[in-house]
Every structure is written in structure tokens, then in C-alpha cells.
Amino acid sequence: MPRPALKTLTYSVMHFAVAMTVVFALTRSWQAALAIGLIEPLVQTVAYTLHERVWERRGIRAAAA
């Protein structure tokens, strides 16, 4: 597995655990924690991937200049 893909995967697993823990701590509901814990990290993982790509392209452009 390419390093960026592995990095994204491990980030999403960590984010899922954190999101579920925070929602459960606030609501004391496993149903809410699971629902929000599944949706929010998926959206954040996509945003993170796009963010990483922008920074990678920016680095390539800076190195070429």
C-alpha cells in the first residue's frame, strides 16, 4: 500500500475512534456516537486527502521554481 494511502487509512481509524468517544461523552448514547462517528470521519478523511494533495502539488511547484 502506498505511504499516502496508509497514512490516510490510519488517520481515518484514529479519527473514527476520537469522534465516537467525544460524541458518547457528550450524549451518553452509543447510537448517536456510532451514527455521528461514522459520518463525520468519512467527510474529514476526504477533506484531509484533498488537503494533502494540494500541499503536495504546492511543494512540487515550489521545487520547480
PDB file of N, CA and C in Angstrom:
ATOM      1  N   MET A   1       0.858  -1.182   0.000  1.00  0.00           N
ATOM      2  CA  MET A   1       0.000   0.000   0.000  1.00  0.00           C
ATOM      3  C   MET A   1       0.900   1.241   0.000  1.00  0.00           C
ATOM      4  N   PRO A   2       0.623   2.203  -0.867  1.00  0.00           N
ATOM      5  CA  PRO A   2       1.436   3.434  -0.884  1.00  0.00           C
ATOM      6  C   PRO A   2       1.342   4.183   0.446  1.00  0.00           C
ATOM      7  N   ARG A   3       2.434   4.820   0.812  1.00  0.00           N
ATOM      8  CA  ARG A   3       2.500   5.531   2.097  1.00  0.00           C
ATOM      9  C   ARG A   3       1.365   6.542   2.289  1.00  0.00           C
ATOM     10  N   PRO A   4       1.041   7.383   1.294  1.00  0.00           N
ATOM     11  CA  PRO A   4      -0.069   8.330   1.495  1.00  0.00           C
ATOM     12  C   PRO A   4      -1.407   7.635   1.769  1.00  0.00           C
ATOM     13  N   ALA A   5      -1.658   6.512   1.112  1.00  0.00           N
ATOM     14  CA  ALA A   5      -2.900   5.772   1.344  1.00  0.00           C
ATOM     15  C   ALA A   5      -2.925   5.177   2.746  1.00  0.00           C
ATOM     16  N   LEU A   6      -1.797   4.622   3.191  1.00  0.00           N
ATOM     17  CA  LEU A   6      -1.710   4.066   4.531  1.00  0.00           C
ATOM     18  C   LEU A   6      -1.880   5.157   5.585  1.00  0.00           C
ATOM     19  N   LYS A   7      -1.264   6.293   5.335  1.00  0.00           N
ATOM     20  CA  LYS A   7      -1.382   7.428   6.253  1.00  0.00           C
ATOM     21  C   LYS A   7      -2.840   7.874   6.364  1.00  0.00           C
ATOM     22  N   THR A   8      -3.539   7.953   5.248  1.00  0.00           N
ATOM     23  CA  THR A   8      -4.951   8.340   5.246  1.00  0.00           C
ATOM     24  C   THR A   8      -5.799   7.309   5.978  1.00  0.00           C
ATOM     25  N   LEU A   9      -5.525   6.037   5.758  1.00  0.00           N
ATOM     26  CA  LEU A   9      -6.280   4.974   6.417  1.00  0.00           C
ATOM     27  C   LEU A   9      -6.101   5.022   7.925  1.00  0.00           C
ATOM     28  N   THR A  10      -4.874   5.140   8.397  1.00  0.00           N
ATOM     29  CA  THR A  10      -4.647   5.169   9.847  1.00  0.00           C
ATOM     30  C   THR A  10      -5.236   6.438  10.470  1.00  0.00           C
ATOM     31  N   TYR A  11      -5.185   7.546   9.720  1.00  0.00           N
ATOM     32  CA  TYR A  11      -5.793   8.788  10.203  1.00  0.00           C
ATOM     33  C   TYR A  11      -7.304   8.614  10.352  1.00  0.00           C
ATOM     34  N   SER A  12      -7.942   7.963   9.387  1.00  0.00           N
ATOM     35  CA  SER A  12      -9.394   7.797   9.461  1.00  0.00           C
ATOM     36  C   SER A  12      -9.799   6.885  10.612  1.00  0.00           C
ATOM     37  N   VAL A  13      -9.022   5.855  10.886  1.00  0.00           N
ATOM     38  CA  VAL A  13      -9.316   4.976  12.017  1.00  0.00           C
ATOM     39  C   VAL A  13      -9.183   5.746  13.330  1.00  0.00           C
ATOM     40  N   MET A  14      -8.117   6.525  13.462  1.00  0.00           N
ATOM     41  CA  MET A  14      -7.930   7.331  14.660  1.00  0.00           C
ATOM     42  C   MET A  14      -9.062   8.343  14.808  1.00  0.00           C
ATOM     43  N   HIS A  15      -9.419   8.990  13.714  1.00  0.00           N
ATOM     44  CA  HIS A  15     -10.469   9.997  13.752  1.00  0.00           C
ATOM     45  C   HIS A  15     -11.807   9.380  14.141  1.00  0.00           C
ATOM     46  N   PHE A  16     -12.113   8.211  13.620  1.00  0.00           N
ATOM     47  CA  PHE A  16     -13.333   7.491  13.969  1.00  0.00           C
ATOM     48  C   PHE A  16     -13.405   7.253  15.473  1.00  0.00           C
ATOM     49  N   ALA A  17     -12.319   6.773  16.058  1.00  0.00           N
ATOM     50  CA  ALA A  17     -12.289   6.496  17.498  1.00  0.00           C
ATOM     51  C   ALA A  17     -12.472   7.772  18.313  1.00  0.00           C
ATOM     52  N   VAL A  18     -11.811   8.836  17.920  1.00  0.00           N
ATOM     53  CA  VAL A  18     -11.924  10.107  18.646  1.00  0.00           C
ATOM     54  C   VAL A  18     -13.340  10.656  18.527  1.00  0.00           C
ATOM     55  N   ALA A  19     -13.894  10.652  17.319  1.00  0.00           N
ATOM     56  CA  ALA A  19     -15.242  11.189  17.111  1.00  0.00           C
ATOM     57  C   ALA A  19     -16.265  10.418  17.940  1.00  0.00           C
ATOM     58  N   MET A  20     -16.192   9.109  17.912  1.00  0.00           N
ATOM     59  CA  MET A  20     -17.146   8.308  18.703  1.00  0.00           C
ATOM     60  C   MET A  20     -17.005   8.576  20.193  1.00  0.00           C
ATOM     61  N   THR A  21     -15.789   8.683  20.666  1.00  0.00           N
ATOM     62  CA  THR A  21     -15.554   8.934  22.089  1.00  0.00           C
ATOM     63  C   THR A  21     -16.123  10.285  22.512  1.00  0.00           C
ATOM     64  N   VAL A  22     -15.894  11.310  21.709  1.00  0.00           N
ATOM     65  CA  VAL A  22     -16.389  12.653  22.042  1.00  0.00           C
ATOM     66  C   VAL A  22     -17.917  12.675  22.035  1.00  0.00           C
ATOM     67  N   VAL A  23     -18.529  12.106  20.998  1.00  0.00           N
ATOM     68  CA  VAL A  23     -19.999  12.109  20.921  1.00  0.00           C
ATOM     69  C   VAL A  23     -20.586  11.307  22.074  1.00  0.00           C
ATOM     70  N   PHE A  24     -20.003  10.170  22.387  1.00  0.00           N
ATOM     71  CA  PHE A  24     -20.525   9.380  23.509  1.00  0.00           C
ATOM     72  C   PHE A  24     -20.381  10.145  24.818  1.00  0.00           C
ATOM     73  N   ALA A  25     -19.254  10.819  25.012  1.00  0.00           N
ATOM     74  CA  ALA A  25     -19.044  11.589  26.246  1.00  0.00           C
ATOM     75  C   ALA A  25     -20.075  12.716  26.377  1.00  0.00           C
ATOM     76  N   LEU A  26     -20.472  13.296  25.254  1.00  0.00           N
ATOM     77  CA  LEU A  26     -21.444  14.389  25.292  1.00  0.00           C
ATOM     78  C   LEU A  26     -22.886  13.916  25.395  1.00  0.00           C
ATOM     79  N   THR A  27     -23.201  12.774  24.783  1.00  0.00           N
ATOM     80  CA  THR A  27     -24.603  12.334  24.708  1.00  0.00           C
ATOM     81  C   THR A  27     -24.919  11.110  25.562  1.00  0.00           C
ATOM     82  N   ARG A  28     -23.914  10.347  25.912  1.00  0.00           N
ATOM     83  CA  ARG A  28     -24.090   9.056  26.602  1.00  0.00           C
ATOM     84  C   ARG A  28     -24.976   8.103  25.800  1.00  0.00           C
ATOM     85  N   SER A  29     -24.937   8.271  24.474  1.00  0.00           N
ATOM     86  CA  SER A  29     -25.727   7.426  23.586  1.00  0.00           C
ATOM     87  C   SER A  29     -24.791   6.762  22.586  1.00  0.00           C
ATOM     88  N   TRP A  30     -24.752   5.412  22.625  1.00  0.00           N
ATOM     89  CA  TRP A  30     -23.919   4.690  21.664  1.00  0.00           C
ATOM     90  C   TRP A  30     -24.477   4.802  20.255  1.00  0.00           C
ATOM     91  N   GLN A  31     -25.822   4.914  20.138  1.00  0.00           N
ATOM     92  CA  GLN A  31     -26.428   5.053  18.818  1.00  0.00           C
ATOM     93  C   GLN A  31     -25.987   6.366  18.160  1.00  0.00           C
ATOM     94  N   ALA A  32     -26.052   7.473  18.903  1.00  0.00           N
ATOM     95  CA  ALA A  32     -25.617   8.770  18.372  1.00  0.00           C
ATOM     96  C   ALA A  32     -24.121   8.740  18.095  1.00  0.00           C
ATOM     97  N   ALA A  33     -23.356   8.151  18.997  1.00  0.00           N
ATOM     98  CA  ALA A  33     -21.899   8.089  18.826  1.00  0.00           C
ATOM     99  C   ALA A  33     -21.532   7.316  17.569  1.00  0.00           C
ATOM    100  N   LEU A  34     -22.218   6.220  17.329  1.00  0.00           N
ATOM    101  CA  LEU A  34     -21.931   5.417  16.138  1.00  0.00           C
ATOM    102  C   LEU A  34     -22.363   6.149  14.869  1.00  0.00           C
ATOM    103  N   ALA A  35     -23.538   6.750  14.884  1.00  0.00           N
ATOM    104  CA  ALA A  35     -24.042   7.456  13.697  1.00  0.00           C
ATOM    105  C   ALA A  35     -23.129   8.623  13.333  1.00  0.00           C
ATOM    106  N   ILE A  36     -22.857   9.484  14.279  1.00  0.00           N
ATOM    107  CA  ILE A  36     -22.009  10.645  14.014  1.00  0.00           C
ATOM    108  C   ILE A  36     -20.561  10.193  13.816  1.00  0.00           C
ATOM    109  N   GLY A  37     -20.149   9.219  14.590  1.00  0.00           N
ATOM    110  CA  GLY A  37     -18.781   8.709  14.490  1.00  0.00           C
ATOM    111  C   GLY A  37     -18.469   8.085  13.144  1.00  0.00           C
ATOM    112  N   LEU A  38     -19.476   7.602  12.435  1.00  0.00           N
ATOM    113  CA  LEU A  38     -19.249   7.047  11.097  1.00  0.00           C
ATOM    114  C   LEU A  38     -19.245   8.126  10.021  1.00  0.00           C
ATOM    115  N   ILE A  39     -20.145   9.077  10.133  1.00  0.00           N
ATOM    116  CA  ILE A  39     -20.303  10.092   9.092  1.00  0.00           C
ATOM    117  C   ILE A  39     -19.185  11.131   9.136  1.00  0.00           C
ATOM    118  N   GLU A  40     -18.951  11.708  10.280  1.00  0.00           N
ATOM    119  CA  GLU A  40     -18.002  12.824  10.388  1.00  0.00           C
ATOM    120  C   GLU A  40     -16.579  12.439   9.983  1.00  0.00           C
ATOM    121  N   PRO A  41     -16.019  11.327  10.434  1.00  0.00           N
ATOM    122  CA  PRO A  41     -14.664  10.956   9.989  1.00  0.00           C
ATOM    123  C   PRO A  41     -14.571  10.667   8.488  1.00  0.00           C
ATOM    124  N   LEU A  42     -15.629  10.134   7.902  1.00  0.00           N
ATOM    125  CA  LEU A  42     -15.587   9.901   6.458  1.00  0.00           C
ATOM    126  C   LEU A  42     -15.456  11.222   5.703  1.00  0.00           C
ATOM    127  N   VAL A  43     -16.227  12.212   6.120  1.00  0.00           N
ATOM    128  CA  VAL A  43     -16.146  13.522   5.482  1.00  0.00           C
ATOM    129  C   VAL A  43     -14.767  14.138   5.732  1.00  0.00           C
ATOM    130  N   GLN A  44     -14.276  14.043   6.948  1.00  0.00           N
ATOM    131  CA  GLN A  44     -12.960  14.598   7.280  1.00  0.00           C
ATOM    132  C   GLN A  44     -11.839  13.888   6.531  1.00  0.00           C
ATOM    133  N   THR A  45     -11.968  12.593   6.319  1.00  0.00           N
ATOM    134  CA  THR A  45     -10.939  11.849   5.593  1.00  0.00           C
ATOM    135  C   THR A  45     -10.850  12.327   4.149  1.00  0.00           C
ATOM    136  N   VAL A  46     -11.985  12.574   3.523  1.00  0.00           N
ATOM    137  CA  VAL A  46     -11.982  13.106   2.162  1.00  0.00           C
ATOM    138  C   VAL A  46     -11.340  14.493   2.152  1.00  0.00           C
ATOM    139  N   ALA A  47     -11.722  15.333   3.107  1.00  0.00           N
ATOM    140  CA  ALA A  47     -11.148  16.680   3.192  1.00  0.00           C
ATOM    141  C   ALA A  47      -9.635  16.610   3.425  1.00  0.00           C
ATOM    142  N   TYR A  48      -9.199  15.709   4.284  1.00  0.00           N
ATOM    143  CA  TYR A  48      -7.774  15.546   4.572  1.00  0.00           C
ATOM    144  C   TYR A  48      -7.012  15.112   3.321  1.00  0.00           C
ATOM    145  N   THR A  49      -7.572  14.175   2.568  1.00  0.00           N
ATOM    146  CA  THR A  49      -6.928  13.690   1.356  1.00  0.00           C
ATOM    147  C   THR A  49      -6.758  14.824   0.348  1.00  0.00           C
ATOM    148  N   LEU A  50      -7.808  15.613   0.171  1.00  0.00           N
ATOM    149  CA  LEU A  50      -7.723  16.760  -0.737  1.00  0.00           C
ATOM    150  C   LEU A  50      -6.688  17.766  -0.246  1.00  0.00           C
ATOM    151  N   HIS A  51      -6.663  18.009   1.045  1.00  0.00           N
ATOM    152  CA  HIS A  51      -5.703  18.928   1.653  1.00  0.00           C
ATOM    153  C   HIS A  51      -4.270  18.459   1.397  1.00  0.00           C
ATOM    154  N   GLU A  52      -4.015  17.178   1.589  1.00  0.00           N
ATOM    155  CA  GLU A  52      -2.679  16.620   1.365  1.00  0.00           C
ATOM    156  C   GLU A  52      -2.263  16.764  -0.101  1.00  0.00           C
ATOM    157  N   ARG A  53      -3.194  16.530  -1.015  1.00  0.00           N
ATOM    158  CA  ARG A  53      -2.881  16.648  -2.441  1.00  0.00           C
ATOM    159  C   ARG A  53      -2.524  18.081  -2.819  1.00  0.00           C
ATOM    160  N   VAL A  54      -3.264  19.036  -2.275  1.00  0.00           N
ATOM    161  CA  VAL A  54      -2.965  20.449  -2.547  1.00  0.00           C
ATOM    162  C   VAL A  54      -1.569  20.782  -2.052  1.00  0.00           C
ATOM    163  N   TRP A  55      -1.236  20.358  -0.837  1.00  0.00           N
ATOM    164  CA  TRP A  55       0.093  20.651  -0.292  1.00  0.00           C
ATOM    165  C   TRP A  55       1.193  19.947  -1.070  1.00  0.00           C
ATOM    166  N   GLU A  56       0.922  18.732  -1.525  1.00  0.00           N
ATOM    167  CA  GLU A  56       1.923  18.004  -2.313  1.00  0.00           C
ATOM    168  C   GLU A  56       2.174  18.725  -3.635  1.00  0.00           C
ATOM    169  N   ARG A  57       1.131  19.146  -4.303  1.00  0.00           N
ATOM    170  CA  ARG A  57       1.283  19.875  -5.573  1.00  0.00           C
ATOM    171  C   ARG A  57       1.992  21.204  -5.353  1.00  0.00           C
ATOM    172  N   ARG A  58       1.672  21.855  -4.264  1.00  0.00           N
ATOM    173  CA  ARG A  58       2.318  23.131  -3.948  1.00  0.00           C
ATOM    174  C   ARG A  58       3.820  22.920  -3.753  1.00  0.00           C
ATOM    175  N   GLY A  59       4.197  21.839  -3.110  1.00  0.00           N
ATOM    176  CA  GLY A  59       5.606  21.518  -2.892  1.00  0.00           C
ATOM    177  C   GLY A  59       6.330  21.238  -4.197  1.00  0.00           C
ATOM    178  N   ILE A  60       5.656  20.554  -5.112  1.00  0.00           N
ATOM    179  CA  ILE A  60       6.253  20.254  -6.416  1.00  0.00           C
ATOM    180  C   ILE A  60       6.470  21.541  -7.187  1.00  0.00           C
ATOM    181  N   ARG A  61       5.495  22.439  -7.171  1.00  0.00           N
ATOM    182  CA  ARG A  61       5.623  23.721  -7.865  1.00  0.00           C
ATOM    183  C   ARG A  61       6.743  24.572  -7.264  1.00  0.00           C
ATOM    184  N   ALA A  62       6.859  24.575  -5.933  1.00  0.00           N
ATOM    185  CA  ALA A  62       7.885  25.360  -5.274  1.00  0.00           C
ATOM    186  C   ALA A  62       9.280  24.823  -5.617  1.00  0.00           C
ATOM    187  N   ALA A  63       9.400  23.507  -5.712  1.00  0.00           N
ATOM    188  CA  ALA A  63      10.693  22.900  -6.028  1.00  0.00           C
ATOM    189  C   ALA A  63      11.095  23.189  -7.477  1.00  0.00           C
ATOM    190  N   ALA A  64      10.105  23.313  -8.356  1.00  0.00           N
ATOM    191  CA  ALA A  64      10.395  23.574  -9.768  1.00  0.00           C
ATOM    192  C   ALA A  64      10.769  25.029 -10.023  1.00  0.00           C
ATOM    193  N   ALA A  65      10.386  25.919  -9.129  1.00  0.00           N
ATOM    194  CA  ALA A  65      10.634  27.366  -9.336  1.00  0.00           C
ATOM    195  C   ALA A  65      12.028  27.771  -8.975  1.00  0.00           C
TER     196      ALA A  65
END
